[in-house]
């Protein structure tokens, strides 16, 4: 006699029925793949995705796609929007990747942090733009090996704050650093560690989209990587950080909330990857659109809400203090 075993859970992120919403076939020029897009709402209410585009050499650049409803009807720039410039910025020798976009009201500009890839490995670079046509490049602000970065939209106690993921002898964990001018960075603090052992996020973690500011704190979606016999498995988790002291983790989800299930997420240039780099917020300040790279081959969209994610974290989260005691 066979026994049917079912696992029931309420999905927190709902995939768009038209997924994937952007692939290499949509591009106006020849490319290998498109994935890992930063996202923002423009002043006219339309959605802009700043997509990582990998050419047929394996070198990545950034290209903008715009949509009135954030789901279809994409208008894609006819040529790369932001290219690597290794003569001026040698840290970009092997391309630029994985942008995150933060609109900064104080500057009335969008801050784009991205991975600049050089002989020394991946580092964090920063550029400011008002229109995604011209960019003021600050160059590398966190040297290799570092990535998975985003700027908070406002100063914390007078300083800009950047979340990023350096590789250190301690492992691949999330850190925060502070700057008076966006150029000089210090006060580096570890804020969230990859867990050990059998956990879904046991090997390395990193920020996914920029943190979402809520009344209860900075809501953070992060990716966790588990090494398996068939390769790395990328899934998403949740954490909440104090609004005025973002070094302080208030809650961290014990289990993952979103992982590769659909065929376009399971199979591609890199199998078993869901990797969000951007989100947009609905006018009600609750509904969110999360844009993610799928298997390093396409861009997909999932819907959720701040209320849903916070409720889940309340029910399924632990304080970091308790987790430390459990290790």
C-alpha atoms as a PDB file:
ATOM      1  CA  UNK A   1       0.000   0.000   0.000  1.00  0.00           C
ATOM      2  CA  UNK A   2       1.405   3.413  -0.982  1.00  0.00           C
ATOM      3  CA  UNK A   3       0.895   6.447   1.197  1.00  0.00           C
ATOM      4  CA  UNK A   4       0.596   9.877  -0.397  1.00  0.00           C
ATOM      5  CA  UNK A   5       2.633  12.513   1.405  1.00  0.00           C
ATOM      6  CA  UNK A   6       1.785  16.133   0.825  1.00  0.00           C
ATOM      7  CA  UNK A   7       3.469  19.234   2.142  1.00  0.00           C
ATOM      8  CA  UNK A   8       1.054  22.086   2.648  1.00  0.00           C
ATOM      9  CA  UNK A   9       2.172  25.648   3.022  1.00  0.00           C
ATOM     10  CA  UNK A  10       0.764  29.012   2.071  1.00  0.00           C
ATOM     11  CA  UNK A  11       2.982  30.574  -0.606  1.00  0.00           C
ATOM     12  CA  UNK A  12       4.164  34.063   0.332  1.00  0.00           C
ATOM     13  CA  UNK A  13       5.310  35.066  -3.144  1.00  0.00           C
ATOM     14  CA  UNK A  14       2.933  34.421  -6.029  1.00  0.00           C
ATOM     15  CA  UNK A  15       4.493  33.940  -9.454  1.00  0.00           C
ATOM     16  CA  UNK A  16       3.124  36.016 -12.320  1.00  0.00           C
ATOM     17  CA  UNK A  17       1.218  33.829 -14.802  1.00  0.00           C
ATOM     18  CA  UNK A  18       3.260  35.208 -17.727  1.00  0.00           C
ATOM     19  CA  UNK A  19       6.630  34.277 -16.217  1.00  0.00           C
ATOM     20  CA  UNK A  20       9.306  34.632 -17.317  1.00  0.00           C
ATOM     21  CA  UNK A  21       8.505  38.224 -18.255  1.00  0.00           C
ATOM     22  CA  UNK A  22      11.811  38.968 -20.047  1.00  0.00           C
ATOM     23  CA  UNK A  23      14.229  36.667 -21.869  1.00  0.00           C
ATOM     24  CA  UNK A  24      17.066  37.036 -24.376  1.00  0.00           C
ATOM     25  CA  UNK A  25      14.505  36.666 -27.175  1.00  0.00           C
ATOM     26  CA  UNK A  26      13.005  40.026 -26.188  1.00  0.00           C
ATOM     27  CA  UNK A  27      16.286  41.917 -26.593  1.00  0.00           C
ATOM     28  CA  UNK A  28      16.800  44.298 -29.533  1.00  0.00           C
ATOM     29  CA  UNK A  29      20.417  43.195 -29.949  1.00  0.00           C
ATOM     30  CA  UNK A  30      22.244  39.870 -29.730  1.00  0.00           C
ATOM     31  CA  UNK A  31      22.893  38.620 -26.177  1.00  0.00           C
ATOM     32  CA  UNK A  32      23.338  35.349 -24.312  1.00  0.00           C
ATOM     33  CA  UNK A  33      20.988  35.970 -21.375  1.00  0.00           C
ATOM     34  CA  UNK A  34      19.263  38.559 -19.189  1.00  0.00           C
ATOM     35  CA  UNK A  35      18.673  38.245 -15.439  1.00  0.00           C
ATOM     36  CA  UNK A  36      19.152  39.869 -11.979  1.00  0.00           C
ATOM     37  CA  UNK A  37      17.493  43.245 -12.575  1.00  0.00           C
ATOM     38  CA  UNK A  38      17.314  46.233 -10.246  1.00  0.00           C
ATOM     39  CA  UNK A  39      13.880  47.873 -10.215  1.00  0.00           C
ATOM     40  CA  UNK A  40      12.289  51.220  -9.461  1.00  0.00           C
ATOM     41  CA  UNK A  41       9.163  53.259 -10.154  1.00  0.00           C
ATOM     42  CA  UNK A  42       9.719  56.364 -12.273  1.00  0.00           C
ATOM     43  CA  UNK A  43       7.977  59.692 -11.699  1.00  0.00           C
ATOM     44  CA  UNK A  44       5.310  58.886 -14.302  1.00  0.00           C
ATOM     45  CA  UNK A  45       4.383  55.686 -12.455  1.00  0.00           C
ATOM     46  CA  UNK A  46       6.015  53.330 -14.941  1.00  0.00           C
ATOM     47  CA  UNK A  47       8.437  50.603 -13.927  1.00  0.00           C
ATOM     48  CA  UNK A  48      12.091  50.591 -14.898  1.00  0.00           C
ATOM     49  CA  UNK A  49      14.205  47.462 -14.715  1.00  0.00           C
ATOM     50  CA  UNK A  50      17.956  47.857 -14.980  1.00  0.00           C
ATOM     51  CA  UNK A  51      18.808  44.393 -16.225  1.00  0.00           C
ATOM     52  CA  UNK A  52      22.029  42.469 -16.105  1.00  0.00           C
ATOM     53  CA  UNK A  53      22.706  41.417 -19.672  1.00  0.00           C
ATOM     54  CA  UNK A  54      25.399  38.869 -20.449  1.00  0.00           C
ATOM     55  CA  UNK A  55      26.835  38.992 -23.947  1.00  0.00           C
ATOM     56  CA  UNK A  56      28.111  36.007 -25.879  1.00  0.00           C
ATOM     57  CA  UNK A  57      31.633  36.542 -24.557  1.00  0.00           C
ATOM     58  CA  UNK A  58      30.389  36.116 -20.981  1.00  0.00           C
ATOM     59  CA  UNK A  59      30.849  39.816 -20.112  1.00  0.00           C
ATOM     60  CA  UNK A  60      27.896  41.608 -18.503  1.00  0.00           C
ATOM     61  CA  UNK A  61      26.540  45.148 -18.889  1.00  0.00           C
ATOM     62  CA  UNK A  62      23.342  46.885 -17.749  1.00  0.00           C
ATOM     63  CA  UNK A  63      20.353  47.680 -19.945  1.00  0.00           C
ATOM     64  CA  UNK A  64      17.075  49.424 -19.051  1.00  0.00           C
ATOM     65  CA  UNK A  65      13.607  48.064 -19.816  1.00  0.00           C
ATOM     66  CA  UNK A  66      10.485  50.159 -19.144  1.00  0.00           C
ATOM     67  CA  UNK A  67       6.844  49.123 -18.753  1.00  0.00           C
ATOM     68  CA  UNK A  68       3.631  50.993 -17.939  1.00  0.00           C
ATOM     69  CA  UNK A  69       2.289  48.185 -15.753  1.00  0.00           C
ATOM     70  CA  UNK A  70       5.525  46.501 -14.675  1.00  0.00           C
ATOM     71  CA  UNK A  71       4.569  43.166 -16.235  1.00  0.00           C
ATOM     72  CA  UNK A  72       4.465  43.416 -20.034  1.00  0.00           C
ATOM     73  CA  UNK A  73       4.765  45.820 -22.937  1.00  0.00           C
ATOM     74  CA  UNK A  74       8.441  46.347 -22.156  1.00  0.00           C
ATOM     75  CA  UNK A  75      10.355  49.002 -24.078  1.00  0.00           C
ATOM     76  CA  UNK A  76      14.022  48.050 -24.016  1.00  0.00           C
ATOM     77  CA  UNK A  77      16.895  50.423 -24.714  1.00  0.00           C
ATOM     78  CA  UNK A  78      18.212  49.762 -28.215  1.00  0.00           C
ATOM     79  CA  UNK A  79      21.788  49.613 -26.936  1.00  0.00           C
ATOM     80  CA  UNK A  80      23.441  49.041 -23.537  1.00  0.00           C
ATOM     81  CA  UNK A  81      22.434  51.632 -20.927  1.00  0.00           C
ATOM     82  CA  UNK A  82      25.565  51.338 -18.804  1.00  0.00           C
ATOM     83  CA  UNK A  83      28.653  49.576 -20.085  1.00  0.00           C
ATOM     84  CA  UNK A  84      31.796  48.606 -18.254  1.00  0.00           C
ATOM     85  CA  UNK A  85      34.500  51.224 -18.741  1.00  0.00           C
ATOM     86  CA  UNK A  86      37.766  49.479 -17.857  1.00  0.00           C
ATOM     87  CA  UNK A  87      40.005  52.288 -19.116  1.00  0.00           C
ATOM     88  CA  UNK A  88      38.594  54.743 -16.555  1.00  0.00           C
ATOM     89  CA  UNK A  89      37.504  52.092 -14.054  1.00  0.00           C
ATOM     90  CA  UNK A  90      39.871  49.090 -14.251  1.00  0.00           C
ATOM     91  CA  UNK A  91      37.791  47.288 -11.615  1.00  0.00           C
ATOM     92  CA  UNK A  92      35.200  46.789 -14.404  1.00  0.00           C
ATOM     93  CA  UNK A  93      37.561  44.817 -16.649  1.00  0.00           C
ATOM     94  CA  UNK A  94      35.312  41.750 -16.811  1.00  0.00           C
ATOM     95  CA  UNK A  95      31.978  43.529 -16.732  1.00  0.00           C
ATOM     96  CA  UNK A  96      29.344  44.993 -14.396  1.00  0.00           C
ATOM     97  CA  UNK A  97      26.595  42.919 -12.801  1.00  0.00           C
ATOM     98  CA  UNK A  98      23.598  42.642 -10.449  1.00  0.00           C
ATOM     99  CA  UNK A  99      22.432  46.254  -9.918  1.00  0.00           C
ATOM    100  CA  UNK A 100      20.281  47.407  -7.006  1.00  0.00           C
ATOM    101  CA  UNK A 101      18.446  50.738  -7.272  1.00  0.00           C
ATOM    102  CA  UNK A 102      17.573  53.054  -4.381  1.00  0.00           C
ATOM    103  CA  UNK A 103      15.796  56.376  -4.884  1.00  0.00           C
ATOM    104  CA  UNK A 104      17.372  58.878  -2.482  1.00  0.00           C
ATOM    105  CA  UNK A 105      14.996  61.793  -1.707  1.00  0.00           C
ATOM    106  CA  UNK A 106      17.756  63.965  -0.230  1.00  0.00           C
ATOM    107  CA  UNK A 107      19.682  63.810  -3.517  1.00  0.00           C
ATOM    108  CA  UNK A 108      16.638  63.594  -5.780  1.00  0.00           C
ATOM    109  CA  UNK A 109      18.566  60.909  -7.627  1.00  0.00           C
ATOM    110  CA  UNK A 110      18.663  57.152  -7.974  1.00  0.00           C
ATOM    111  CA  UNK A 111      21.661  55.414  -6.442  1.00  0.00           C
ATOM    112  CA  UNK A 112      22.714  52.318  -8.358  1.00  0.00           C
ATOM    113  CA  UNK A 113      25.085  49.928  -6.645  1.00  0.00           C
ATOM    114  CA  UNK A 114      26.440  47.118  -8.775  1.00  0.00           C
ATOM    115  CA  UNK A 115      29.132  44.468  -8.873  1.00  0.00           C
ATOM    116  CA  UNK A 116      32.265  45.440 -10.785  1.00  0.00           C
ATOM    117  CA  UNK A 117      34.239  42.401 -11.851  1.00  0.00           C
ATOM    118  CA  UNK A 118      38.031  42.609 -12.128  1.00  0.00           C
ATOM    119  CA  UNK A 119      41.079  40.367 -11.942  1.00  0.00           C
ATOM    120  CA  UNK A 120      40.900  40.775  -8.167  1.00  0.00           C
ATOM    121  CA  UNK A 121      37.339  39.454  -8.076  1.00  0.00           C
ATOM    122  CA  UNK A 122      33.955  41.161  -7.601  1.00  0.00           C
ATOM    123  CA  UNK A 123      33.751  44.546  -5.860  1.00  0.00           C
ATOM    124  CA  UNK A 124      31.008  47.076  -5.152  1.00  0.00           C
ATOM    125  CA  UNK A 125      30.668  50.178  -7.345  1.00  0.00           C
ATOM    126  CA  UNK A 126      28.247  53.099  -7.140  1.00  0.00           C
ATOM    127  CA  UNK A 127      26.688  55.450  -9.679  1.00  0.00           C
ATOM    128  CA  UNK A 128      24.054  58.180  -9.366  1.00  0.00           C
ATOM    129  CA  UNK A 129      21.512  59.033 -12.053  1.00  0.00           C
ATOM    130  CA  UNK A 130      18.422  61.177 -12.497  1.00  0.00           C
ATOM    131  CA  UNK A 131      17.142  59.650 -15.707  1.00  0.00           C
ATOM    132  CA  UNK A 132      18.954  56.354 -16.410  1.00  0.00           C
ATOM    133  CA  UNK A 133      20.451  58.031 -19.462  1.00  0.00           C
ATOM    134  CA  UNK A 134      23.521  59.640 -17.903  1.00  0.00           C
ATOM    135  CA  UNK A 135      25.349  58.437 -14.797  1.00  0.00           C
ATOM    136  CA  UNK A 136      27.779  59.972 -12.326  1.00  0.00           C
ATOM    137  CA  UNK A 137      30.113  57.110 -11.495  1.00  0.00           C
ATOM    138  CA  UNK A 138      31.796  56.984  -8.091  1.00  0.00           C
ATOM    139  CA  UNK A 139      33.845  53.934  -8.989  1.00  0.00           C
ATOM    140  CA  UNK A 140      34.570  51.089  -6.617  1.00  0.00           C
ATOM    141  CA  UNK A 141      33.533  51.794  -3.009  1.00  0.00           C
ATOM    142  CA  UNK A 142      34.070  48.304  -1.557  1.00  0.00           C
ATOM    143  CA  UNK A 143      37.075  46.394  -2.922  1.00  0.00           C
ATOM    144  CA  UNK A 144      37.062  42.697  -3.820  1.00  0.00           C
ATOM    145  CA  UNK A 145      35.850  40.284  -2.741  1.00  0.00           C
ATOM    146  CA  UNK A 146      32.495  42.008  -2.106  1.00  0.00           C
ATOM    147  CA  UNK A 147      29.028  42.125  -3.698  1.00  0.00           C
ATOM    148  CA  UNK A 148      25.248  41.979  -3.018  1.00  0.00           C
ATOM    149  CA  UNK A 149      25.008  45.648  -2.022  1.00  0.00           C
ATOM    150  CA  UNK A 150      22.328  48.307  -1.686  1.00  0.00           C
ATOM    151  CA  UNK A 151      22.205  51.810  -0.248  1.00  0.00           C
ATOM    152  CA  UNK A 152      19.596  52.716   2.343  1.00  0.00           C
ATOM    153  CA  UNK A 153      17.416  55.598   1.068  1.00  0.00           C
ATOM    154  CA  UNK A 154      18.168  57.981   3.948  1.00  0.00           C
ATOM    155  CA  UNK A 155      20.967  58.767   6.333  1.00  0.00           C
ATOM    156  CA  UNK A 156      21.218  56.948   9.645  1.00  0.00           C
ATOM    157  CA  UNK A 157      22.425  59.306  12.384  1.00  0.00           C
ATOM    158  CA  UNK A 158      23.882  61.587   9.742  1.00  0.00           C
ATOM    159  CA  UNK A 159      25.630  58.889   7.703  1.00  0.00           C
ATOM    160  CA  UNK A 160      24.782  57.001   4.545  1.00  0.00           C
ATOM    161  CA  UNK A 161      24.496  53.258   5.114  1.00  0.00           C
ATOM    162  CA  UNK A 162      25.374  50.455   2.711  1.00  0.00           C
ATOM    163  CA  UNK A 163      24.550  46.780   3.141  1.00  0.00           C
ATOM    164  CA  UNK A 164      26.972  44.475   1.353  1.00  0.00           C
ATOM    165  CA  UNK A 165      28.479  40.989   1.433  1.00  0.00           C
ATOM    166  CA  UNK A 166      32.283  40.816   1.770  1.00  0.00           C
ATOM    167  CA  UNK A 167      34.094  37.503   1.661  1.00  0.00           C
ATOM    168  CA  UNK A 168      36.225  37.266   4.784  1.00  0.00           C
ATOM    169  CA  UNK A 169      37.939  34.504   6.752  1.00  0.00           C
ATOM    170  CA  UNK A 170      34.692  34.440   8.754  1.00  0.00           C
ATOM    171  CA  UNK A 171      32.742  33.424   5.646  1.00  0.00           C
ATOM    172  CA  UNK A 172      30.088  34.969   3.370  1.00  0.00           C
ATOM    173  CA  UNK A 173      27.946  37.100   5.658  1.00  0.00           C
ATOM    174  CA  UNK A 174      26.001  40.384   5.446  1.00  0.00           C
ATOM    175  CA  UNK A 175      27.660  43.582   6.698  1.00  0.00           C
ATOM    176  CA  UNK A 176      26.764  47.266   6.960  1.00  0.00           C
ATOM    177  CA  UNK A 177      29.114  50.223   6.473  1.00  0.00           C
ATOM    178  CA  UNK A 178      28.695  53.984   6.854  1.00  0.00           C
ATOM    179  CA  UNK A 179      29.871  57.047   4.940  1.00  0.00           C
ATOM    180  CA  UNK A 180      29.607  60.847   5.271  1.00  0.00           C
ATOM    181  CA  UNK A 181      29.869  61.418   1.506  1.00  0.00           C
ATOM    182  CA  UNK A 182      29.218  58.136  -0.383  1.00  0.00           C
ATOM    183  CA  UNK A 183      32.936  57.920  -1.176  1.00  0.00           C
ATOM    184  CA  UNK A 184      34.695  57.136   2.095  1.00  0.00           C
ATOM    185  CA  UNK A 185      33.355  54.164   4.034  1.00  0.00           C
ATOM    186  CA  UNK A 186      33.999  52.884   7.533  1.00  0.00           C
ATOM    187  CA  UNK A 187      32.405  51.551  10.745  1.00  0.00           C
ATOM    188  CA  UNK A 188      32.004  48.133   9.132  1.00  0.00           C
ATOM    189  CA  UNK A 189      29.675  45.877  11.127  1.00  0.00           C
ATOM    190  CA  UNK A 190      28.567  42.278  10.688  1.00  0.00           C
ATOM    191  CA  UNK A 191      24.739  42.198  10.774  1.00  0.00           C
ATOM    192  CA  UNK A 192      23.652  38.727   9.646  1.00  0.00           C
ATOM    193  CA  UNK A 193      25.609  35.471   9.454  1.00  0.00           C
ATOM    194  CA  UNK A 194      25.218  32.451   7.244  1.00  0.00           C
ATOM    195  CA  UNK A 195      24.168  29.588   9.480  1.00  0.00           C
ATOM    196  CA  UNK A 196      26.042  26.308   9.767  1.00  0.00           C
ATOM    197  CA  UNK A 197      25.329  22.662   9.261  1.00  0.00           C
ATOM    198  CA  UNK A 198      22.123  21.516   7.582  1.00  0.00           C
ATOM    199  CA  UNK A 199      20.360  24.902   7.408  1.00  0.00           C
ATOM    200  CA  UNK A 200      19.044  26.092   4.042  1.00  0.00           C
ATOM    201  CA  UNK A 201      21.310  29.172   4.334  1.00  0.00           C
ATOM    202  CA  UNK A 202      24.302  27.347   5.789  1.00  0.00           C
ATOM    203  CA  UNK A 203      26.991  28.183   3.221  1.00  0.00           C
ATOM    204  CA  UNK A 204      26.601  31.826   2.266  1.00  0.00           C
ATOM    205  CA  UNK A 205      24.019  34.580   2.352  1.00  0.00           C
ATOM    206  CA  UNK A 206      23.586  37.992   0.730  1.00  0.00           C
ATOM    207  CA  UNK A 207      21.138  40.849   0.334  1.00  0.00           C
ATOM    208  CA  UNK A 208      18.582  40.387  -2.431  1.00  0.00           C
ATOM    209  CA  UNK A 209      16.514  43.553  -3.203  1.00  0.00           C
ATOM    210  CA  UNK A 210      17.232  46.787  -1.295  1.00  0.00           C
ATOM    211  CA  UNK A 211      15.727  46.792   2.227  1.00  0.00           C
ATOM    212  CA  UNK A 212      12.061  47.780   2.459  1.00  0.00           C
ATOM    213  CA  UNK A 213      11.365  50.503   5.034  1.00  0.00           C
ATOM    214  CA  UNK A 214       8.304  49.654   7.134  1.00  0.00           C
ATOM    215  CA  UNK A 215       6.889  51.089  10.350  1.00  0.00           C
ATOM    216  CA  UNK A 216       8.362  48.113  12.212  1.00  0.00           C
ATOM    217  CA  UNK A 217      11.828  48.137  10.716  1.00  0.00           C
ATOM    218  CA  UNK A 218      13.853  47.401   7.592  1.00  0.00           C
ATOM    219  CA  UNK A 219      12.342  44.311   5.990  1.00  0.00           C
ATOM    220  CA  UNK A 220      15.095  42.387   4.223  1.00  0.00           C
ATOM    221  CA  UNK A 221      14.768  39.618   1.676  1.00  0.00           C
ATOM    222  CA  UNK A 222      18.066  37.782   1.476  1.00  0.00           C
ATOM    223  CA  UNK A 223      19.307  34.808  -0.491  1.00  0.00           C
ATOM    224  CA  UNK A 224      20.816  31.783   1.134  1.00  0.00           C
ATOM    225  CA  UNK A 225      22.928  29.166  -0.569  1.00  0.00           C
ATOM    226  CA  UNK A 226      23.122  25.520   0.354  1.00  0.00           C
ATOM    227  CA  UNK A 227      25.711  23.250  -1.242  1.00  0.00           C
ATOM    228  CA  UNK A 228      24.207  19.988  -2.457  1.00  0.00           C
ATOM    229  CA  UNK A 229      25.672  16.990  -4.324  1.00  0.00           C
ATOM    230  CA  UNK A 230      24.199  18.417  -7.558  1.00  0.00           C
ATOM    231  CA  UNK A 231      25.400  21.997  -7.002  1.00  0.00           C
ATOM    232  CA  UNK A 232      24.372  25.184  -5.215  1.00  0.00           C
ATOM    233  CA  UNK A 233      20.711  25.803  -4.354  1.00  0.00           C
ATOM    234  CA  UNK A 234      19.601  29.459  -4.045  1.00  0.00           C
ATOM    235  CA  UNK A 235      16.491  30.309  -2.001  1.00  0.00           C
ATOM    236  CA  UNK A 236      15.064  33.345  -0.207  1.00  0.00           C
ATOM    237  CA  UNK A 237      14.606  34.151   3.452  1.00  0.00           C
ATOM    238  CA  UNK A 238      13.358  37.071   5.550  1.00  0.00           C
ATOM    239  CA  UNK A 239      14.819  39.208   8.319  1.00  0.00           C
ATOM    240  CA  UNK A 240      13.812  42.441  10.068  1.00  0.00           C
ATOM    241  CA  UNK A 241      16.250  45.118  11.277  1.00  0.00           C
ATOM    242  CA  UNK A 242      15.810  48.115  13.575  1.00  0.00           C
ATOM    243  CA  UNK A 243      14.879  51.326  11.736  1.00  0.00           C
ATOM    244  CA  UNK A 244      17.350  53.632  13.475  1.00  0.00           C
ATOM    245  CA  UNK A 245      19.962  50.996  14.265  1.00  0.00           C
ATOM    246  CA  UNK A 246      20.041  48.734  11.189  1.00  0.00           C
ATOM    247  CA  UNK A 247      22.914  46.747  12.688  1.00  0.00           C
ATOM    248  CA  UNK A 248      20.357  45.190  15.036  1.00  0.00           C
ATOM    249  CA  UNK A 249      18.468  42.176  13.707  1.00  0.00           C
ATOM    250  CA  UNK A 250      15.048  41.950  15.360  1.00  0.00           C
ATOM    251  CA  UNK A 251      13.752  38.783  13.689  1.00  0.00           C
ATOM    252  CA  UNK A 252      15.056  36.205  11.258  1.00  0.00           C
ATOM    253  CA  UNK A 253      12.965  33.561   9.585  1.00  0.00           C
ATOM    254  CA  UNK A 254      13.940  30.014  10.389  1.00  0.00           C
ATOM    255  CA  UNK A 255      12.889  28.548   7.034  1.00  0.00           C
ATOM    256  CA  UNK A 256      13.126  29.732   3.462  1.00  0.00           C
ATOM    257  CA  UNK A 257      10.098  31.385   1.865  1.00  0.00           C
ATOM    258  CA  UNK A 258      10.734  31.059  -1.886  1.00  0.00           C
ATOM    259  CA  UNK A 259      12.825  28.659  -3.917  1.00  0.00           C
ATOM    260  CA  UNK A 260      13.247  27.332  -7.450  1.00  0.00           C
ATOM    261  CA  UNK A 261      10.214  25.251  -8.423  1.00  0.00           C
ATOM    262  CA  UNK A 262       9.170  26.268 -11.947  1.00  0.00           C
ATOM    263  CA  UNK A 263      11.066  24.839 -14.911  1.00  0.00           C
ATOM    264  CA  UNK A 264      12.510  28.258 -15.847  1.00  0.00           C
ATOM    265  CA  UNK A 265      13.950  28.484 -12.296  1.00  0.00           C
ATOM    266  CA  UNK A 266      15.232  24.911 -12.136  1.00  0.00           C
ATOM    267  CA  UNK A 267      16.991  24.762 -15.509  1.00  0.00           C
ATOM    268  CA  UNK A 268      19.164  27.318 -17.269  1.00  0.00           C
ATOM    269  CA  UNK A 269      22.752  28.522 -17.454  1.00  0.00           C
ATOM    270  CA  UNK A 270      22.880  28.036 -13.671  1.00  0.00           C
ATOM    271  CA  UNK A 271      20.283  25.567 -12.396  1.00  0.00           C
ATOM    272  CA  UNK A 272      18.174  26.053  -9.256  1.00  0.00           C
ATOM    273  CA  UNK A 273      18.470  29.802  -8.788  1.00  0.00           C
ATOM    274  CA  UNK A 274      15.940  32.471  -7.815  1.00  0.00           C
ATOM    275  CA  UNK A 275      17.772  35.769  -7.294  1.00  0.00           C
ATOM    276  CA  UNK A 276      15.841  39.034  -6.764  1.00  0.00           C
ATOM    277  CA  UNK A 277      17.656  42.342  -7.120  1.00  0.00           C
ATOM    278  CA  UNK A 278      14.694  44.732  -7.207  1.00  0.00           C
ATOM    279  CA  UNK A 279      11.143  45.466  -6.112  1.00  0.00           C
ATOM    280  CA  UNK A 280       8.492  48.130  -6.600  1.00  0.00           C
ATOM    281  CA  UNK A 281       5.787  49.134  -4.146  1.00  0.00           C
ATOM    282  CA  UNK A 282       2.084  49.585  -4.890  1.00  0.00           C
ATOM    283  CA  UNK A 283       0.405  52.939  -4.122  1.00  0.00           C
ATOM    284  CA  UNK A 284      -1.122  51.386  -0.992  1.00  0.00           C
ATOM    285  CA  UNK A 285       2.440  50.960   0.411  1.00  0.00           C
ATOM    286  CA  UNK A 286       1.684  47.280   1.023  1.00  0.00           C
ATOM    287  CA  UNK A 287       1.654  45.307  -2.227  1.00  0.00           C
ATOM    288  CA  UNK A 288       5.083  44.634  -3.691  1.00  0.00           C
ATOM    289  CA  UNK A 289       6.347  43.381  -7.038  1.00  0.00           C
ATOM    290  CA  UNK A 290       9.572  41.386  -6.702  1.00  0.00           C
ATOM    291  CA  UNK A 291      11.724  40.978  -9.809  1.00  0.00           C
ATOM    292  CA  UNK A 292      14.116  38.072  -9.812  1.00  0.00           C
ATOM    293  CA  UNK A 293      16.605  36.330 -12.022  1.00  0.00           C
ATOM    294  CA  UNK A 294      15.688  32.728 -12.812  1.00  0.00           C
ATOM    295  CA  UNK A 295      18.468  30.185 -13.466  1.00  0.00           C
ATOM    296  CA  UNK A 296      20.650  33.043 -14.805  1.00  0.00           C
ATOM    297  CA  UNK A 297      18.606  32.991 -18.020  1.00  0.00           C
ATOM    298  CA  UNK A 298      15.523  35.187 -17.569  1.00  0.00           C
ATOM    299  CA  UNK A 299      13.691  37.723 -15.420  1.00  0.00           C
ATOM    300  CA  UNK A 300      10.540  36.729 -13.576  1.00  0.00           C
ATOM    301  CA  UNK A 301       8.012  38.504 -11.349  1.00  0.00           C
ATOM    302  CA  UNK A 302       6.395  37.503  -8.060  1.00  0.00           C
ATOM    303  CA  UNK A 303       3.807  39.365  -5.975  1.00  0.00           C
ATOM    304  CA  UNK A 304       3.495  39.676  -2.217  1.00  0.00           C
ATOM    305  CA  UNK A 305       2.680  42.245   0.439  1.00  0.00           C
ATOM    306  CA  UNK A 306       4.517  43.802   3.350  1.00  0.00           C
ATOM    307  CA  UNK A 307       1.741  42.750   5.718  1.00  0.00           C
ATOM    308  CA  UNK A 308       1.950  39.129   4.582  1.00  0.00           C
ATOM    309  CA  UNK A 309       5.727  38.991   4.984  1.00  0.00           C
ATOM    310  CA  UNK A 310       5.713  40.624   8.419  1.00  0.00           C
ATOM    311  CA  UNK A 311       2.943  38.325   9.639  1.00  0.00           C
ATOM    312  CA  UNK A 312       4.908  35.306   8.473  1.00  0.00           C
ATOM    313  CA  UNK A 313       8.044  36.603  10.185  1.00  0.00           C
ATOM    314  CA  UNK A 314       6.149  37.061  13.456  1.00  0.00           C
ATOM    315  CA  UNK A 315       4.931  33.473  13.274  1.00  0.00           C
ATOM    316  CA  UNK A 316       8.095  31.837  11.959  1.00  0.00           C
ATOM    317  CA  UNK A 317      10.979  34.053  13.022  1.00  0.00           C
ATOM    318  CA  UNK A 318      13.494  33.941  15.852  1.00  0.00           C
ATOM    319  CA  UNK A 319      15.615  36.603  17.465  1.00  0.00           C
ATOM    320  CA  UNK A 320      19.284  36.465  16.574  1.00  0.00           C
ATOM    321  CA  UNK A 321      20.078  36.156  20.286  1.00  0.00           C
ATOM    322  CA  UNK A 322      18.140  32.909  20.468  1.00  0.00           C
ATOM    323  CA  UNK A 323      19.779  31.606  17.311  1.00  0.00           C
ATOM    324  CA  UNK A 324      23.212  32.301  18.796  1.00  0.00           C
ATOM    325  CA  UNK A 325      22.293  30.238  21.835  1.00  0.00           C
ATOM    326  CA  UNK A 326      21.127  27.382  19.626  1.00  0.00           C
ATOM    327  CA  UNK A 327      24.442  27.073  17.772  1.00  0.00           C
END
